[in-house]
Protein backbone atom coordinates (compact mmCIF):
# COMPACT_ATOMS: atom_id res chain seq x y z
CA MET A 1 -12.02 -21.13 10.75
CA LYS A 2 -12.19 -17.89 8.67
CA ASP A 3 -14.69 -16.51 11.37
CA ALA A 4 -12.24 -17.48 14.13
CA VAL A 5 -9.26 -15.83 12.53
CA ASN A 6 -11.34 -12.76 11.54
CA ALA A 7 -12.48 -12.25 15.31
CA TYR A 8 -8.89 -11.05 16.02
CA LEU A 9 -8.58 -8.88 12.72
CA PRO A 10 -10.19 -5.77 11.40
CA SER A 11 -12.47 -6.27 8.54
CA SER A 12 -9.85 -4.50 6.20
CA ALA A 13 -7.25 -7.22 6.71
CA SER A 14 -6.39 -8.73 3.39
CA SER A 15 -5.33 -12.11 2.60
CA ALA A 16 -1.76 -10.77 2.40
CA ASP A 17 -2.18 -9.33 5.85
CA LEU A 18 -3.33 -12.72 7.20
CA LEU A 19 -0.31 -14.41 5.70
CA TYR A 20 2.04 -11.93 7.19
CA LYS A 21 0.22 -12.61 10.65
CA ALA A 22 0.62 -16.32 10.09
CA GLU A 23 4.38 -15.79 9.41
CA SER A 24 4.77 -13.67 12.53
CA ASP A 25 3.00 -16.38 14.68
CA ILE A 26 5.42 -18.90 13.11
CA LEU A 27 8.34 -16.81 14.22
CA SER A 28 6.88 -16.57 17.87
CA GLU A 29 6.43 -20.30 18.01
CA ILE A 30 10.11 -20.81 16.91
CA ALA A 31 11.33 -18.53 19.61
CA ARG A 32 9.16 -20.40 22.23
CA HIS A 33 10.80 -23.52 21.33
CA LEU A 34 14.28 -21.99 21.45
CA ARG A 35 13.94 -20.62 24.79
CA GLN A 36 13.41 -24.00 26.41
CA GLY A 37 16.45 -25.19 28.43
CA ASN A 38 19.78 -23.79 29.43
CA ILE A 39 21.05 -22.16 26.23
CA ALA A 40 24.68 -22.19 27.75
CA SER A 41 24.51 -26.05 28.25
CA ALA A 42 25.93 -28.72 25.88
CA GLU A 43 22.50 -30.47 25.94
CA TRP A 44 20.56 -27.32 24.62
CA LYS A 45 21.48 -28.13 20.85
CA ILE A 46 20.48 -31.76 21.15
CA ASP A 47 17.21 -30.93 22.98
CA CYS A 48 16.25 -28.26 20.49
CA LEU A 49 16.98 -30.71 17.47
CA ARG A 50 14.94 -33.27 19.12
CA ARG A 51 11.95 -30.90 19.17
CA LEU A 52 12.03 -30.23 15.42
CA GLY A 53 9.30 -32.69 14.71
CA ALA A 54 7.08 -30.85 17.29
CA LEU A 55 7.87 -27.51 15.97
CA THR A 56 6.89 -28.65 12.49
CA LYS A 57 3.54 -29.95 13.75
CA ASP A 58 3.01 -26.44 15.49
CA VAL A 59 3.95 -24.65 12.36
CA GLN A 60 1.34 -26.85 10.44
CA THR A 61 -1.27 -25.96 12.96
CA ILE A 62 -0.70 -22.27 12.48
CA ILE A 63 -0.83 -22.56 8.93
CA ASP A 64 -3.93 -24.72 8.82
CA HIS A 65 -5.41 -22.02 11.21
CA TYR A 66 -5.25 -19.31 8.63
CA ARG A 67 -5.46 -21.38 5.54
CA GLU A 68 -9.09 -21.21 4.92
CA ALA A 69 -9.41 -17.42 5.56
CA ILE A 70 -6.40 -16.84 3.46
CA ILE A 71 -7.53 -18.74 0.40
CA SER A 72 -11.10 -17.47 0.50
CA GLY A 73 -9.86 -13.89 1.04
CA THR A 74 -7.55 -14.38 -2.06
CA LEU A 75 -10.40 -15.63 -4.31
CA SER A 76 -12.66 -12.89 -3.04
CA GLU A 77 -10.20 -10.13 -3.65
CA VAL A 78 -9.62 -11.27 -7.18
CA GLU A 79 -13.41 -11.73 -8.02
CA GLN A 80 -14.52 -8.30 -6.39
CA ALA A 81 -11.67 -6.49 -8.36
CA ALA A 82 -13.02 -7.96 -11.48
CA MET A 83 -16.48 -7.18 -10.92
CA ASP A 84 -15.93 -3.74 -9.67
CA GLN A 85 -14.09 -3.06 -12.91
CA LEU A 86 -16.94 -4.59 -15.00
CA ILE A 87 -19.55 -2.67 -13.25
CA LYS A 88 -18.00 0.72 -13.85
CA GLY A 89 -17.47 -0.28 -17.49
CA GLU A 90 -21.16 -1.19 -17.88
CA GLY A 91 -22.33 2.23 -16.61
CA ILE A 92 -20.02 3.82 -19.34
CA TYR A 93 -21.32 1.51 -22.11
CA THR A 94 -25.05 2.11 -20.94
CA LYS A 95 -24.52 6.00 -21.13
CA ALA A 96 -22.86 5.89 -24.51
CA ARG A 97 -25.61 3.74 -25.89
CA GLU A 98 -28.14 6.40 -24.69
CA LYS A 99 -26.17 9.04 -26.43
CA GLY A 100 -26.08 7.36 -29.53
CA ALA A 101 -23.13 5.04 -29.60
CA GLN A 102 -23.33 1.91 -31.93
CA LEU A 103 -22.55 -1.05 -29.88
CA LEU A 104 -23.05 -4.78 -29.99
CA ASN A 105 -25.30 -6.48 -27.51
CA PRO A 106 -23.16 -8.88 -25.23
CA LEU A 107 -24.71 -11.07 -22.70
CA PRO A 108 -25.24 -9.73 -19.22
CA ILE A 109 -22.23 -10.10 -16.89
CA ASP A 110 -23.66 -12.89 -14.82
CA ALA A 111 -24.46 -14.95 -17.89
CA ASP A 112 -21.20 -14.14 -19.62
CA ALA A 113 -19.25 -17.64 -19.62
CA THR A 114 -16.05 -15.94 -21.18
CA ILE A 115 -15.94 -13.52 -18.32
CA LYS A 116 -16.59 -16.30 -15.75
CA LYS A 117 -13.90 -18.46 -17.04
CA THR A 118 -11.43 -15.52 -16.90
CA ILE A 119 -12.19 -14.81 -13.37
CA ALA A 120 -11.99 -18.51 -12.25
CA ALA A 121 -8.67 -18.89 -14.04
CA TRP A 122 -7.04 -15.78 -12.24
CA GLN A 123 -8.52 -16.95 -9.06
CA ALA A 124 -6.86 -20.47 -9.58
CA THR A 125 -3.51 -18.84 -10.18
CA ALA A 126 -3.68 -16.74 -7.04
CA LYS A 127 -4.73 -19.64 -5.10
CA ASP A 128 -2.01 -21.82 -6.17
CA GLN A 129 0.55 -19.08 -5.55
CA MET A 130 -0.81 -18.58 -2.03
CA ASN A 131 -0.60 -22.21 -1.35
CA LEU A 132 2.95 -22.29 -2.59
CA ALA A 133 3.80 -19.44 -0.01
CA MET A 134 2.22 -21.42 2.79
CA ALA A 135 3.98 -24.66 1.74
CA THR A 136 7.32 -22.83 1.71
CA MET A 137 6.69 -21.20 4.94
CA LEU A 138 6.26 -24.76 6.52
CA GLU A 139 9.36 -26.13 4.77
CA LYS A 140 11.68 -23.19 5.46
CA SER A 141 10.53 -22.54 9.18
CA GLY A 142 12.45 -25.90 10.09
CA ASP A 143 15.52 -24.71 8.24
CA LEU A 144 15.27 -21.33 10.02
CA TYR A 145 15.07 -23.18 13.43
CA VAL A 146 17.95 -25.39 12.63
CA HIS A 147 20.23 -22.57 11.38
CA THR A 148 19.39 -20.50 14.56
CA ILE A 149 20.27 -23.62 16.72
CA ASN A 150 23.71 -24.13 14.95
CA ARG A 151 24.49 -20.41 14.77
CA THR A 152 23.66 -19.69 18.66
CA THR A 153 25.74 -22.76 19.59
CA ALA A 154 28.79 -21.68 17.51
CA GLN A 155 28.58 -18.18 19.01
CA VAL A 156 28.47 -19.49 22.47
CA LEU A 157 31.33 -21.93 22.04
CA THR A 158 33.56 -19.18 20.55
CA GLY A 159 32.64 -16.90 23.35
CA SER A 160 31.74 -14.01 21.22
CA MET A 161 28.43 -13.60 22.96
CA THR A 162 26.20 -15.42 25.30
CA GLY A 163 23.44 -17.66 23.99
CA HIS A 164 20.66 -15.14 24.91
CA GLU A 165 22.58 -12.46 22.90
CA ALA A 166 22.88 -14.59 19.96
CA LEU A 167 19.18 -15.35 20.16
CA VAL A 168 18.13 -11.91 20.40
CA ARG A 169 20.50 -10.65 17.49
CA THR A 170 18.96 -13.63 15.29
CA VAL A 171 15.43 -12.62 16.17
CA ARG A 172 16.09 -9.09 15.04
CA GLU A 173 17.01 -10.46 11.63
CA TRP A 174 13.85 -12.50 11.45
CA ALA A 175 11.66 -9.57 12.12
CA GLU A 176 13.17 -7.78 9.18
CA SER A 177 13.23 -10.73 6.58
CA GLY A 178 10.81 -13.14 7.86
CA VAL A 179 10.82 -16.95 7.19
CA PRO A 180 12.91 -17.31 3.96
CA SER A 181 10.10 -17.64 1.24
CA ILE A 182 9.96 -18.01 -2.64
CA VAL A 183 12.87 -17.80 -4.95
CA ASP A 184 11.72 -16.96 -8.62
CA LYS A 185 12.89 -17.82 -11.86
CA ALA A 186 15.43 -14.96 -11.93
CA GLY A 187 17.03 -16.18 -8.57
CA ARG A 188 15.34 -13.38 -6.41
CA GLN A 189 14.30 -14.45 -3.03
CA TRP A 190 10.93 -12.74 -1.84
CA THR A 191 10.04 -12.34 1.75
CA THR A 192 6.53 -13.72 2.43
CA GLU A 193 5.14 -10.29 2.94
CA ALA A 194 6.46 -8.95 -0.51
CA TYR A 195 5.38 -12.16 -2.28
CA ALA A 196 1.79 -12.19 -0.88
CA ASN A 197 1.28 -8.69 -1.75
CA MET A 198 2.64 -9.40 -5.35
CA VAL A 199 0.33 -12.39 -5.69
CA ILE A 200 -2.72 -10.19 -4.81
CA ARG A 201 -1.72 -7.12 -6.87
CA SER A 202 -0.53 -8.84 -9.91
CA ASN A 203 -3.64 -11.19 -10.26
CA VAL A 204 -6.04 -8.37 -9.49
CA ARG A 205 -4.30 -6.35 -12.16
CA ARG A 206 -4.43 -9.07 -14.63
CA VAL A 207 -7.90 -10.07 -14.15
CA THR A 208 -9.35 -6.54 -14.26
CA THR A 209 -7.35 -5.76 -17.33
CA GLU A 210 -8.36 -8.96 -19.10
CA VAL A 211 -12.25 -8.67 -18.31
CA GLN A 212 -12.20 -5.19 -19.37
CA MET A 213 -10.55 -5.85 -22.59
CA GLU A 214 -12.83 -8.88 -23.28
CA ARG A 215 -15.80 -6.79 -22.49
CA ALA A 216 -14.66 -4.01 -24.86
CA GLN A 217 -14.43 -6.68 -27.69
CA GLU A 218 -17.80 -7.88 -26.78
CA TYR A 219 -19.36 -4.38 -27.09
CA GLY A 220 -17.31 -3.78 -30.25
CA ALA A 221 -15.62 -0.80 -28.64
CA ASP A 222 -12.15 0.25 -29.70
CA LEU A 223 -10.79 3.17 -27.66
CA ILE A 224 -9.81 3.38 -24.08
CA GLU A 225 -8.65 6.32 -21.93
CA VAL A 226 -5.86 5.78 -19.38
CA SER A 227 -6.19 7.71 -15.98
CA ALA A 228 -3.57 9.88 -14.84
CA HIS A 229 -2.11 10.82 -11.30
CA ALA A 230 0.85 12.36 -9.67
CA GLY A 231 3.59 10.04 -8.72
CA ALA A 232 3.09 7.64 -11.51
CA ARG A 233 5.86 5.10 -12.04
CA PRO A 234 8.52 6.03 -14.61
CA LEU A 235 7.32 3.32 -17.16
CA CYS A 236 3.68 4.49 -16.72
CA GLU A 237 4.03 8.41 -16.54
CA PRO A 238 4.74 9.02 -20.29
CA TYR A 239 1.48 7.18 -21.31
CA GLN A 240 -1.10 8.46 -18.66
CA GLY A 241 -3.93 10.75 -19.46
CA ARG A 242 -3.94 9.71 -23.06
CA ILE A 243 -6.52 7.89 -25.44
CA TYR A 244 -5.53 4.64 -27.25
CA SER A 245 -6.73 2.19 -29.64
CA LEU A 246 -7.07 -1.52 -28.77
CA SER A 247 -6.99 -2.77 -32.16
CA GLY A 248 -4.40 -0.23 -33.32
CA ASN A 249 -6.56 0.81 -36.31
CA SER A 250 -7.36 4.26 -35.22
CA LYS A 251 -5.91 7.06 -37.45
CA GLU A 252 -6.43 9.59 -34.31
CA HIS A 253 -4.99 7.75 -31.37
CA PRO A 254 -1.96 5.45 -31.10
CA ALA A 255 -2.19 1.81 -30.67
CA PHE A 256 -2.32 0.69 -26.97
CA ASN A 257 0.34 -1.88 -27.46
CA SER A 258 2.70 1.00 -28.33
CA THR A 259 2.78 1.83 -24.61
CA SER A 260 4.77 0.01 -21.73
CA TYR A 261 1.69 -2.06 -21.40
CA GLY A 262 2.88 -5.84 -21.04
CA GLU A 263 5.93 -4.95 -19.04
CA PRO A 264 5.96 -5.92 -15.29
CA ALA A 265 6.68 -2.30 -14.28
CA GLY A 266 4.83 -0.74 -17.16
CA LEU A 267 1.30 0.26 -17.75
CA LEU A 268 -1.26 -1.78 -15.92
CA GLY A 269 1.48 -3.97 -14.63
CA ILE A 270 2.21 -5.18 -11.16
CA ASN A 271 1.48 -2.39 -8.72
CA CYS A 272 0.37 0.09 -11.38
CA GLY A 273 -2.36 2.35 -10.06
CA HIS A 274 -3.72 3.39 -13.42
CA GLN A 275 -7.38 2.49 -14.81
CA THR A 276 -8.62 2.27 -18.18
CA TYR A 277 -12.08 3.34 -19.45
CA PRO A 278 -14.23 2.92 -22.59
CA PHE A 279 -13.97 6.09 -24.79
CA PHE A 280 -16.33 7.21 -27.48
CA PRO A 281 -15.65 10.27 -29.78
CA GLY A 282 -18.10 12.99 -29.69
CA ILE A 283 -19.89 11.31 -26.63
CA SER A 284 -17.29 10.86 -23.97
CA ARG A 285 -15.53 13.84 -22.27
CA GLN A 286 -11.85 13.23 -21.80
CA ALA A 287 -11.42 13.18 -18.04
CA TYR A 288 -7.71 13.52 -18.11
CA SER A 289 -5.21 15.60 -20.11
CA PRO A 290 -1.52 14.84 -20.43
CA ASP A 291 0.94 17.21 -19.07
CA ASP A 292 4.52 16.72 -20.38
CA THR A 293 6.09 19.91 -19.09
CA PRO A 294 9.57 19.58 -17.29
CA GLU A 295 8.04 21.02 -14.30
CA LYS A 296 5.44 18.25 -14.15
CA ARG A 297 7.79 15.52 -14.85
CA VAL A 298 10.01 16.71 -11.82
CA GLU A 299 7.00 17.01 -9.53
CA ASN A 300 5.66 13.56 -10.66
CA LYS A 301 9.23 11.96 -9.84
CA ARG A 302 9.23 13.69 -6.48
CA ILE A 303 5.77 12.40 -5.63
CA TYR A 304 6.85 8.89 -6.68
CA GLN A 305 10.11 8.77 -4.65
CA GLU A 306 8.29 10.06 -1.70
CA SER A 307 5.53 7.22 -2.02
CA GLN A 308 8.53 4.81 -1.93
CA GLN A 309 10.04 6.33 1.02
CA GLN A 310 6.76 6.01 2.96
CA ARG A 311 6.44 2.42 1.90
CA ALA A 312 9.96 1.78 3.33
CA ILE A 313 8.97 3.56 6.70
CA GLU A 314 5.87 1.52 7.07
CA ARG A 315 7.74 -1.77 6.58
CA SER A 316 10.36 -0.64 9.16
CA ILE A 317 7.51 -0.03 11.71
CA ARG A 318 5.92 -3.37 11.09
CA ALA A 319 9.28 -5.00 11.56
CA ALA A 320 9.77 -3.33 14.73
CA LYS A 321 6.29 -4.35 15.97
CA ARG A 322 7.07 -7.86 15.09
CA GLU A 323 10.27 -7.74 17.16
CA VAL A 324 8.36 -6.98 20.17
CA GLN A 325 5.95 -9.89 19.33
CA VAL A 326 8.93 -12.40 19.08
CA TYR A 327 10.84 -11.15 21.87
CA GLU A 328 7.90 -11.64 24.03
CA ALA A 329 7.70 -15.21 23.02
CA LEU A 330 11.45 -15.43 23.66
CA GLY A 331 10.97 -14.05 27.09
CA GLU A 332 13.59 -11.36 26.79
CA GLU A 333 12.48 -8.23 28.85
CA GLY A 334 15.51 -6.14 27.78
CA ALA A 335 15.05 -6.83 24.17
CA ILE A 336 11.31 -6.09 24.52
CA ARG A 337 11.89 -2.71 25.98
CA ARG A 338 14.58 -1.86 23.25
CA ALA A 339 12.07 -3.16 20.50
CA LYS A 340 9.19 -0.90 21.84
CA ALA A 341 11.66 2.13 21.85
CA LEU A 342 12.50 1.26 18.26
CA VAL A 343 8.85 1.21 17.40
CA ARG A 344 8.54 4.60 18.87
CA ASP A 345 11.40 6.02 17.02
CA ARG A 346 10.28 4.84 13.77
CA GLN A 347 6.77 6.12 14.44
CA ALA A 348 8.42 9.44 15.02
CA GLU A 349 10.30 9.13 11.75
CA MET A 350 6.84 8.69 10.02
CA ARG A 351 5.34 11.68 11.73
CA ASP A 352 8.36 13.81 10.76
CA PHE A 353 8.07 12.58 7.11
CA ILE A 354 4.38 13.15 6.89
CA ASP A 355 4.94 16.78 8.22
CA ASP A 356 7.67 17.31 5.95
CA THR A 357 5.85 15.93 2.72
CA GLY A 358 2.11 16.62 3.55
CA ARG A 359 1.38 12.93 2.37
CA THR A 360 -1.52 10.94 4.15
CA ARG A 361 -0.54 8.57 6.62
CA GLN A 362 -1.70 5.11 6.11
CA ARG A 363 -1.79 3.47 9.43
CA GLY A 364 -3.17 0.01 8.53
CA ARG A 365 0.11 -0.47 6.39
CA GLU A 366 1.94 -0.18 9.77
CA GLN A 367 0.15 -2.92 11.52
CA VAL A 368 0.94 -6.42 12.68
CA TYR A 369 -2.35 -7.68 13.61
CA VAL A 370 -2.26 -9.57 16.94
């Protein structure tokens, strides 16, 4: 199944991309069920509701088509991120030992049961969360279908718009928000796309952080250097480019737990782009240097805001492309033309934004793989 799915996707497609594609296919399937019959007739609502069971089976088929590739991709992304981080660290430990650092002798990575257990635990968490997303899509797709039927019928009966106009308007909303997805403990509703990306990024970040901390303890290393980059998040920026003590016992360097580490939007939190590296006084060369000048802070804030603007435009392009896909399933030629024009307009907005800011365009983030 994974090979069948990947035949239609670039090798760079992530498990989050696959879940987004599955959701788009589900929306198209709902549209195909809704276009059957005469929307203006009294029988249309009854006929559509009778097809709810058939729709549920079709949605289940779509999810089953992608499930293996989504899960295997999720497991692979978590493991690969952990191994990449470990391999980088091993190179640093090896060079430090060659230069005289006094280190313990842990087991090789592939024989380290603690490391294996940590990776497996975060893989299991990510797998459960992705399965929850797919189960929720199955459940909520039926709710979305029934809601659309009732809403369309009400608008036709009141004479506010034709059935086709009502469907087109609702489809536009689908493209923006997708199938209603996960509601977290704080009551926030995540779109499938946002939730899938959060699952991958949060678990990748957690596993890479944990295995690195475990490996440092096994080697008997205490100091780490935090990377630095322009456009860092507000809770990360004050702490980047510095050296910290994991134990908190260093007299020269602050404790790592004195930073924003541990906060969701803090250092090494969800979507954080920072890395940490083992550091050995007298042996390591500090690769980064903190810059706390007001000018640098202003520049960092500007770059961060521009990155958020770019992500918003990318999402708007994806949504417009999905409108085209779902309108094609609905068979609405006029809506298809308008949606294609919207894609062009938003792509033009992106080109202008790139020209104005000098940022690099990330075309892969604008795709709905079809």
